[in-house]
PDB file of N, CA and C in Angstrom:
ATOM      1  N   MET A   1     -24.264 -12.806 -17.446  1.00  0.00           N
ATOM      2  CA  MET A   1     -23.989 -13.182 -16.280  1.00  0.00           C
ATOM      3  C   MET A   1     -23.534 -14.681 -17.027  1.00  0.00           C
ATOM      4  N   PRO A   2     -22.065 -15.084 -16.963  1.00  0.00           N
ATOM      5  CA  PRO A   2     -21.399 -16.003 -17.235  1.00  0.00           C
ATOM      6  C   PRO A   2     -22.828 -17.000 -17.380  1.00  0.00           C
ATOM      7  N   ARG A   3     -21.941 -17.992 -18.425  1.00  0.00           N
ATOM      8  CA  ARG A   3     -22.768 -19.582 -18.448  1.00  0.00           C
ATOM      9  C   ARG A   3     -22.327 -20.669 -17.998  1.00  0.00           C
ATOM     10  N   ILE A   4     -21.005 -20.234 -17.970  1.00  0.00           N
ATOM     11  CA  ILE A   4     -20.003 -21.431 -17.710  1.00  0.00           C
ATOM     12  C   ILE A   4     -19.722 -21.352 -15.881  1.00  0.00           C
ATOM     13  N   LYS A   5     -19.274 -22.250 -15.235  1.00  0.00           N
ATOM     14  CA  LYS A   5     -19.428 -23.014 -14.138  1.00  0.00           C
ATOM     15  C   LYS A   5     -17.856 -21.903 -14.111  1.00  0.00           C
ATOM     16  N   SER A   6     -16.943 -21.938 -14.784  1.00  0.00           N
ATOM     17  CA  SER A   6     -15.406 -21.639 -14.479  1.00  0.00           C
ATOM     18  C   SER A   6     -15.047 -20.146 -14.494  1.00  0.00           C
ATOM     19  N   ALA A   7     -16.890 -20.036 -15.359  1.00  0.00           N
ATOM     20  CA  ALA A   7     -16.421 -17.606 -15.344  1.00  0.00           C
ATOM     21  C   ALA A   7     -16.659 -17.152 -14.270  1.00  0.00           C
ATOM     22  N   ALA A   8     -17.905 -17.971 -13.759  1.00  0.00           N
ATOM     23  CA  ALA A   8     -18.538 -17.952 -12.333  1.00  0.00           C
ATOM     24  C   ALA A   8     -17.423 -17.468 -11.629  1.00  0.00           C
ATOM     25  N   LYS A   9     -17.142 -18.518 -11.304  1.00  0.00           N
ATOM     26  CA  LYS A   9     -15.600 -18.593  -9.764  1.00  0.00           C
ATOM     27  C   LYS A   9     -14.948 -17.798 -10.686  1.00  0.00           C
ATOM     28  N   ARG A  10     -14.517 -17.617 -11.744  1.00  0.00           N
ATOM     29  CA  ARG A  10     -13.510 -16.595 -11.540  1.00  0.00           C
ATOM     30  C   ARG A  10     -13.806 -14.849 -12.055  1.00  0.00           C
ATOM     31  N   MET A  11     -15.050 -14.545 -11.451  1.00  0.00           N
ATOM     32  CA  MET A  11     -15.792 -13.745 -11.751  1.00  0.00           C
ATOM     33  C   MET A  11     -16.484 -13.113 -10.242  1.00  0.00           C
ATOM     34  N   ARG A  12     -16.586 -14.361  -9.258  1.00  0.00           N
ATOM     35  CA  ARG A  12     -15.790 -14.695  -7.343  1.00  0.00           C
ATOM     36  C   ARG A  12     -14.944 -14.382  -7.449  1.00  0.00           C
ATOM     37  N   GLN A  13     -13.399 -14.877  -7.348  1.00  0.00           N
ATOM     38  CA  GLN A  13     -12.991 -14.571  -7.118  1.00  0.00           C
ATOM     39  C   GLN A  13     -11.531 -12.625  -8.129  1.00  0.00           C
ATOM     40  N   ALA A  14     -12.145 -12.783  -8.969  1.00  0.00           N
ATOM     41  CA  ALA A  14     -12.063 -11.063  -8.855  1.00  0.00           C
ATOM     42  C   ALA A  14     -12.200 -10.519  -7.954  1.00  0.00           C
ATOM     43  N   ARG A  15     -14.068 -10.867  -7.611  1.00  0.00           N
ATOM     44  CA  ARG A  15     -14.168  -9.016  -6.446  1.00  0.00           C
ATOM     45  C   ARG A  15     -13.975  -9.175  -5.376  1.00  0.00           C
ATOM     46  N   ALA A  16     -13.801 -11.244  -5.023  1.00  0.00           N
ATOM     47  CA  ALA A  16     -13.341 -10.658  -3.447  1.00  0.00           C
ATOM     48  C   ALA A  16     -11.353  -9.895  -3.717  1.00  0.00           C
ATOM     49  N   ARG A  17     -10.627 -10.497  -4.976  1.00  0.00           N
ATOM     50  CA  ARG A  17      -9.497  -9.798  -4.798  1.00  0.00           C
ATOM     51  C   ARG A  17      -9.132  -8.340  -4.972  1.00  0.00           C
ATOM     52  N   THR A  18     -10.822  -7.928  -5.753  1.00  0.00           N
ATOM     53  CA  THR A  18     -10.517  -6.213  -5.930  1.00  0.00           C
ATOM     54  C   THR A  18     -11.415  -5.922  -4.554  1.00  0.00           C
ATOM     55  N   THR A  19     -11.595  -5.934  -3.694  1.00  0.00           N
ATOM     56  CA  THR A  19     -12.077  -6.057  -1.985  1.00  0.00           C
ATOM     57  C   THR A  19     -10.685  -5.258  -1.648  1.00  0.00           C
ATOM     58  N   LEU A  20      -9.827  -6.891  -1.708  1.00  0.00           N
ATOM     59  CA  LEU A  20      -8.990  -7.096  -0.833  1.00  0.00           C
ATOM     60  C   LEU A  20      -8.254  -5.731  -1.274  1.00  0.00           C
ATOM     61  N   ASN A  21      -7.609  -5.865  -2.506  1.00  0.00           N
ATOM     62  CA  ASN A  21      -6.766  -4.390  -2.832  1.00  0.00           C
ATOM     63  C   ASN A  21      -6.917  -3.669  -2.553  1.00  0.00           C
ATOM     64  N   ARG A  22      -8.632  -3.153  -2.423  1.00  0.00           N
ATOM     65  CA  ARG A  22      -9.374  -1.951  -2.555  1.00  0.00           C
ATOM     66  C   ARG A  22      -8.647  -1.376  -0.895  1.00  0.00           C
ATOM     67  N   THR A  23      -8.877  -1.946  -0.385  1.00  0.00           N
ATOM     68  CA  THR A  23      -8.472  -2.356   0.956  1.00  0.00           C
ATOM     69  C   THR A  23      -6.832  -1.966   1.435  1.00  0.00           C
ATOM     70  N   HIS A  24      -6.042  -2.976   0.826  1.00  0.00           N
ATOM     71  CA  HIS A  24      -4.908  -2.303   0.800  1.00  0.00           C
ATOM     72  C   HIS A  24      -4.479  -1.137   0.883  1.00  0.00           C
ATOM     73  N   ARG A  25      -4.394  -1.151  -0.545  1.00  0.00           N
ATOM     74  CA  ARG A  25      -4.161   0.408  -0.647  1.00  0.00           C
ATOM     75  C   ARG A  25      -4.677   1.898  -0.379  1.00  0.00           C
ATOM     76  N   SER A  26      -5.887   1.274   0.163  1.00  0.00           N
ATOM     77  CA  SER A  26      -6.410   2.640   1.620  1.00  0.00           C
ATOM     78  C   SER A  26      -5.537   2.560   2.403  1.00  0.00           C
ATOM     79  N   GLN A  27      -5.385   1.660   3.104  1.00  0.00           N
ATOM     80  CA  GLN A  27      -4.753   1.767   4.421  1.00  0.00           C
ATOM     81  C   GLN A  27      -3.302   2.442   4.142  1.00  0.00           C
ATOM     82  N   LEU A  28      -2.513   1.584   2.955  1.00  0.00           N
ATOM     83  CA  LEU A  28      -1.037   2.339   2.920  1.00  0.00           C
ATOM     84  C   LEU A  28      -1.142   3.659   1.566  1.00  0.00           C
ATOM     85  N   ARG A  29      -2.066   3.904   0.792  1.00  0.00           N
ATOM     86  CA  ARG A  29      -2.190   5.457   1.062  1.00  0.00           C
ATOM     87  C   ARG A  29      -2.327   6.442   2.598  1.00  0.00           C
ATOM     88  N   THR A  30      -3.575   5.476   3.802  1.00  0.00           N
ATOM     89  CA  THR A  30      -3.303   6.928   4.531  1.00  0.00           C
ATOM     90  C   THR A  30      -2.242   6.498   5.761  1.00  0.00           C
ATOM     91  N   ALA A  31      -0.752   5.455   5.012  1.00  0.00           N
ATOM     92  CA  ALA A  31       0.063   5.449   5.810  1.00  0.00           C
ATOM     93  C   ALA A  31       0.703   6.521   5.304  1.00  0.00           C
ATOM     94  N   LEU A  32       0.933   6.896   4.562  1.00  0.00           N
ATOM     95  CA  LEU A  32       1.635   7.776   3.950  1.00  0.00           C
ATOM     96  C   LEU A  32       0.927   8.923   4.043  1.00  0.00           C
ATOM     97  N   LYS A  33      -0.038   8.709   4.320  1.00  0.00           N
ATOM     98  CA  LYS A  33      -0.124  10.397   4.555  1.00  0.00           C
ATOM     99  C   LYS A  33      -0.043  10.989   6.385  1.00  0.00           C
ATOM    100  N   LYS A  34      -0.414   9.522   7.014  1.00  0.00           N
ATOM    101  CA  LYS A  34       0.272   9.980   7.988  1.00  0.00           C
ATOM    102  C   LYS A  34       2.116  10.148   8.157  1.00  0.00           C
ATOM    103  N   VAL A  35       2.421   9.830   7.859  1.00  0.00           N
ATOM    104  CA  VAL A  35       4.127  10.067   7.664  1.00  0.00           C
ATOM    105  C   VAL A  35       4.342  11.731   7.405  1.00  0.00           C
ATOM    106  N   ARG A  36       3.533  12.181   6.559  1.00  0.00           N
ATOM    107  CA  ARG A  36       3.837  13.348   5.713  1.00  0.00           C
ATOM    108  C   ARG A  36       3.099  14.441   6.832  1.00  0.00           C
ATOM    109  N   ALA A  37       1.968  13.893   7.220  1.00  0.00           N
ATOM    110  CA  ALA A  37       1.328  14.993   8.033  1.00  0.00           C
ATOM    111  C   ALA A  37       2.315  15.257  10.125  1.00  0.00           C
ATOM    112  N   ALA A  38       3.239  13.643   9.893  1.00  0.00           N
ATOM    113  CA  ALA A  38       3.421  13.569  11.360  1.00  0.00           C
ATOM    114  C   ALA A  38       4.597  14.679  11.928  1.00  0.00           C
ATOM    115  N   THR A  39       4.903  14.471  12.981  1.00  0.00           N
ATOM    116  CA  THR A  39       5.995  15.580  13.303  1.00  0.00           C
ATOM    117  C   THR A  39       6.972  14.478  14.603  1.00  0.00           C
ATOM    118  N   GLY A  40       7.900  15.918  15.229  1.00  0.00           N
ATOM    119  CA  GLY A  40       8.927  15.208  16.196  1.00  0.00           C
ATOM    120  C   GLY A  40       8.800  13.966  15.914  1.00  0.00           C
ATOM    121  N   SER A  41       8.559  12.850  17.269  1.00  0.00           N
ATOM    122  CA  SER A  41       9.730  11.569  17.148  1.00  0.00           C
ATOM    123  C   SER A  41       8.122  10.585  16.271  1.00  0.00           C
ATOM    124  N   ALA A  42       7.067  11.434  16.421  1.00  0.00           N
ATOM    125  CA  ALA A  42       5.787  10.343  15.967  1.00  0.00           C
ATOM    126  C   ALA A  42       6.248  10.076  14.473  1.00  0.00           C
ATOM    127  N   VAL A  43       7.462  11.177  13.971  1.00  0.00           N
ATOM    128  CA  VAL A  43       7.711  10.599  11.900  1.00  0.00           C
ATOM    129  C   VAL A  43       8.329   8.940  12.150  1.00  0.00           C
ATOM    130  N   GLU A  44       9.425   8.847  12.686  1.00  0.00           N
ATOM    131  CA  GLU A  44       9.840   7.463  12.474  1.00  0.00           C
ATOM    132  C   GLU A  44       8.870   6.297  12.842  1.00  0.00           C
ATOM    133  N   ALA A  45       7.959   6.340  13.596  1.00  0.00           N
ATOM    134  CA  ALA A  45       6.961   5.210  13.670  1.00  0.00           C
ATOM    135  C   ALA A  45       6.161   5.077  12.774  1.00  0.00           C
ATOM    136  N   ALA A  46       5.429   6.172  12.307  1.00  0.00           N
ATOM    137  CA  ALA A  46       5.007   5.947  10.817  1.00  0.00           C
ATOM    138  C   ALA A  46       6.181   5.741   9.671  1.00  0.00           C
ATOM    139  N   TYR A  47       6.612   6.214   9.595  1.00  0.00           N
ATOM    140  CA  TYR A  47       7.720   5.943   8.231  1.00  0.00           C
ATOM    141  C   TYR A  47       7.643   4.156   8.525  1.00  0.00           C
ATOM    142  N   ALA A  48       8.064   3.971   9.437  1.00  0.00           N
ATOM    143  CA  ALA A  48       8.503   2.281   9.403  1.00  0.00           C
ATOM    144  C   ALA A  48       7.184   1.795   9.621  1.00  0.00           C
ATOM    145  N   GLU A  49       5.631   2.028   9.849  1.00  0.00           N
ATOM    146  CA  GLU A  49       4.652   0.995   9.771  1.00  0.00           C
ATOM    147  C   GLU A  49       4.513   1.579   7.732  1.00  0.00           C
ATOM    148  N   ALA A  50       4.739   2.531   6.846  1.00  0.00           N
ATOM    149  CA  ALA A  50       4.853   3.051   5.775  1.00  0.00           C
ATOM    150  C   ALA A  50       5.757   2.247   4.872  1.00  0.00           C
ATOM    151  N   VAL A  51       6.454   2.210   5.641  1.00  0.00           N
ATOM    152  CA  VAL A  51       7.631   1.128   5.391  1.00  0.00           C
ATOM    153  C   VAL A  51       7.711  -0.243   5.111  1.00  0.00           C
ATOM    154  N   LYS A  52       6.918  -0.872   6.130  1.00  0.00           N
ATOM    155  CA  LYS A  52       6.664  -2.152   6.109  1.00  0.00           C
ATOM    156  C   LYS A  52       4.715  -2.002   4.920  1.00  0.00           C
ATOM    157  N   LEU A  53       4.031  -1.654   4.722  1.00  0.00           N
ATOM    158  CA  LEU A  53       2.911  -1.700   3.859  1.00  0.00           C
ATOM    159  C   LEU A  53       3.683  -1.666   2.695  1.00  0.00           C
ATOM    160  N   LEU A  54       4.897  -0.684   2.241  1.00  0.00           N
ATOM    161  CA  LEU A  54       5.259  -0.493   0.709  1.00  0.00           C
ATOM    162  C   LEU A  54       5.751  -1.396   0.384  1.00  0.00           C
ATOM    163  N   ASP A  55       6.475  -2.756   1.442  1.00  0.00           N
ATOM    164  CA  ASP A  55       6.987  -3.054   0.994  1.00  0.00           C
ATOM    165  C   ASP A  55       5.738  -4.757   0.544  1.00  0.00           C
ATOM    166  N   ARG A  56       4.747  -4.815   1.640  1.00  0.00           N
ATOM    167  CA  ARG A  56       3.632  -5.774   1.463  1.00  0.00           C
ATOM    168  C   ARG A  56       3.054  -5.630   0.152  1.00  0.00           C
ATOM    169  N   ALA A  57       2.824  -4.640  -0.164  1.00  0.00           N
ATOM    170  CA  ALA A  57       2.100  -3.678  -1.596  1.00  0.00           C
ATOM    171  C   ALA A  57       3.211  -4.442  -2.523  1.00  0.00           C
ATOM    172  N   GLY A  58       4.587  -3.755  -2.697  1.00  0.00           N
ATOM    173  CA  GLY A  58       4.926  -4.562  -3.795  1.00  0.00           C
ATOM    174  C   GLY A  58       5.506  -6.391  -4.298  1.00  0.00           C
ATOM    175  N   GLN A  59       5.238  -6.769  -2.656  1.00  0.00           N
ATOM    176  CA  GLN A  59       5.562  -7.977  -2.928  1.00  0.00           C
ATOM    177  C   GLN A  59       3.993  -8.758  -3.085  1.00  0.00           C
ATOM    178  N   LYS A  60       2.923  -8.220  -3.319  1.00  0.00           N
ATOM    179  CA  LYS A  60       1.360  -8.388  -3.093  1.00  0.00           C
ATOM    180  C   LYS A  60       1.231  -8.342  -4.457  1.00  0.00           C
ATOM    181  N   ASN A  61       2.078  -7.056  -5.661  1.00  0.00           N
ATOM    182  CA  ASN A  61       1.600  -6.614  -6.608  1.00  0.00           C
ATOM    183  C   ASN A  61       0.273  -5.915  -6.986  1.00  0.00           C
ATOM    184  N   ILE A  62       0.344  -4.995  -5.381  1.00  0.00           N
ATOM    185  CA  ILE A  62      -1.059  -3.993  -5.220  1.00  0.00           C
ATOM    186  C   ILE A  62      -0.615  -3.288  -6.050  1.00  0.00           C
ATOM    187  N   ILE A  63       0.627  -2.089  -5.763  1.00  0.00           N
ATOM    188  CA  ILE A  63       1.186  -1.056  -6.581  1.00  0.00           C
ATOM    189  C   ILE A  63       2.631  -2.518  -7.162  1.00  0.00           C
ATOM    190  N   HIS A  64       3.352  -1.678  -7.918  1.00  0.00           N
ATOM    191  CA  HIS A  64       4.227  -2.191  -8.383  1.00  0.00           C
ATOM    192  C   HIS A  64       5.750  -3.047  -7.857  1.00  0.00           C
ATOM    193  N   LYS A  65       6.762  -3.297  -7.934  1.00  0.00           N
ATOM    194  CA  LYS A  65       7.385  -3.272  -6.950  1.00  0.00           C
ATOM    195  C   LYS A  65       8.912  -1.729  -6.837  1.00  0.00           C
ATOM    196  N   ASN A  66       8.806  -1.299  -8.252  1.00  0.00           N
ATOM    197  CA  ASN A  66       9.774   0.167  -8.515  1.00  0.00           C
ATOM    198  C   ASN A  66       8.835   0.925  -8.042  1.00  0.00           C
ATOM    199  N   ALA A  67       7.362   0.789  -7.402  1.00  0.00           N
ATOM    200  CA  ALA A  67       6.640   2.245  -7.022  1.00  0.00           C
ATOM    201  C   ALA A  67       6.566   2.263  -5.853  1.00  0.00           C
ATOM    202  N   ALA A  68       7.165   0.805  -5.128  1.00  0.00           N
ATOM    203  CA  ALA A  68       7.148   1.198  -3.651  1.00  0.00           C
ATOM    204  C   ALA A  68       8.686   1.014  -3.571  1.00  0.00           C
ATOM    205  N   ALA A  69       9.500   1.493  -4.134  1.00  0.00           N
ATOM    206  CA  ALA A  69      10.350   1.277  -4.232  1.00  0.00           C
ATOM    207  C   ALA A  69      11.070   3.129  -3.704  1.00  0.00           C
ATOM    208  N   ARG A  70      10.869   3.324  -5.016  1.00  0.00           N
ATOM    209  CA  ARG A  70      10.701   4.921  -5.302  1.00  0.00           C
ATOM    210  C   ARG A  70       9.912   6.023  -3.884  1.00  0.00           C
ATOM    211  N   GLN A  71       8.582   5.176  -3.603  1.00  0.00           N
ATOM    212  CA  GLN A  71       8.004   6.019  -2.554  1.00  0.00           C
ATOM    213  C   GLN A  71       8.626   6.087  -1.809  1.00  0.00           C
ATOM    214  N   LYS A  72       9.789   4.924  -0.819  1.00  0.00           N
ATOM    215  CA  LYS A  72      10.385   4.410   0.306  1.00  0.00           C
ATOM    216  C   LYS A  72      11.070   5.637   0.604  1.00  0.00           C
ATOM    217  N   SER A  73      11.836   6.199  -0.615  1.00  0.00           N
ATOM    218  CA  SER A  73      13.404   6.266  -0.833  1.00  0.00           C
ATOM    219  C   SER A  73      12.746   8.429  -0.910  1.00  0.00           C
ATOM    220  N   ARG A  74      11.478   8.435  -1.255  1.00  0.00           N
ATOM    221  CA  ARG A  74      10.821   9.924  -0.766  1.00  0.00           C
ATOM    222  C   ARG A  74      10.870  10.038  -0.030  1.00  0.00           C
ATOM    223  N   LEU A  75      10.155   9.012   0.805  1.00  0.00           N
ATOM    224  CA  LEU A  75       9.786   9.475   2.164  1.00  0.00           C
ATOM    225  C   LEU A  75      11.309   9.540   3.158  1.00  0.00           C
ATOM    226  N   ALA A  76      12.089   8.539   2.905  1.00  0.00           N
ATOM    227  CA  ALA A  76      12.862   8.895   3.862  1.00  0.00           C
ATOM    228  C   ALA A  76      13.601  10.429   3.764  1.00  0.00           C
ATOM    229  N   LYS A  77      13.465  10.858   2.199  1.00  0.00           N
ATOM    230  CA  LYS A  77      14.327  12.139   3.019  1.00  0.00           C
ATOM    231  C   LYS A  77      13.504  12.670   3.004  1.00  0.00           C
ATOM    232  N   LEU A  78      12.065  12.504   3.120  1.00  0.00           N
ATOM    233  CA  LEU A  78      10.904  13.666   3.967  1.00  0.00           C
ATOM    234  C   LEU A  78      11.625  13.934   5.532  1.00  0.00           C
ATOM    235  N   VAL A  79      11.491  11.919   5.631  1.00  0.00           N
ATOM    236  CA  VAL A  79      11.613  11.628   7.259  1.00  0.00           C
ATOM    237  C   VAL A  79      12.894  12.588   7.358  1.00  0.00           C
ATOM    238  N   ALA A  80      14.343  12.073   6.783  1.00  0.00           N
ATOM    239  CA  ALA A  80      15.564  12.978   7.399  1.00  0.00           C
ATOM    240  C   ALA A  80      15.436  14.073   7.313  1.00  0.00           C
ATOM    241  N   ALA A  81      14.455  14.741   6.056  1.00  0.00           N
ATOM    242  CA  ALA A  81      14.227  16.485   6.502  1.00  0.00           C
ATOM    243  C   ALA A  81      14.063  16.697   7.674  1.00  0.00           C
ATOM    244  N   LYS A  82      13.058  15.665   8.438  1.00  0.00           N
ATOM    245  CA  LYS A  82      11.692  16.675   8.986  1.00  0.00           C
ATOM    246  C   LYS A  82      12.799  16.073  10.018  1.00  0.00           C
ATOM    247  N   LYS A  83      14.613  15.616  10.813  1.00  0.00           N
ATOM    248  CA  LYS A  83      14.848  15.609  11.815  1.00  0.00           C
ATOM    249  C   LYS A  83      15.376  16.422  12.385  1.00  0.00           C
TER     250      LYS A  83
END
C-alpha cells in the first residue's frame, strides 16, 4: 500500500478508470458480435451502434484510433456483403 497521499489517490483513480474502460470495451465487443450475427434489416441498426461505440472508444483511447478505423472498415465490408 502506498504511504504517500498522492500515490493512494492515483491508485483510486486508476482503479476507477480500469473498471470504466473494462465496461466500455465489453460493450464494444458485444456490439461487434451483434453486427456479425445480425441478418436482414437488423444489420444496419447494429452497424450504426457499433460505429458509434468504435468512434467513442477511439476518442477516449480505450482502443487505438487506427484500430477503431480498421474495425469500422471491416464491418462496413461485412455489412455490404450481407446486403
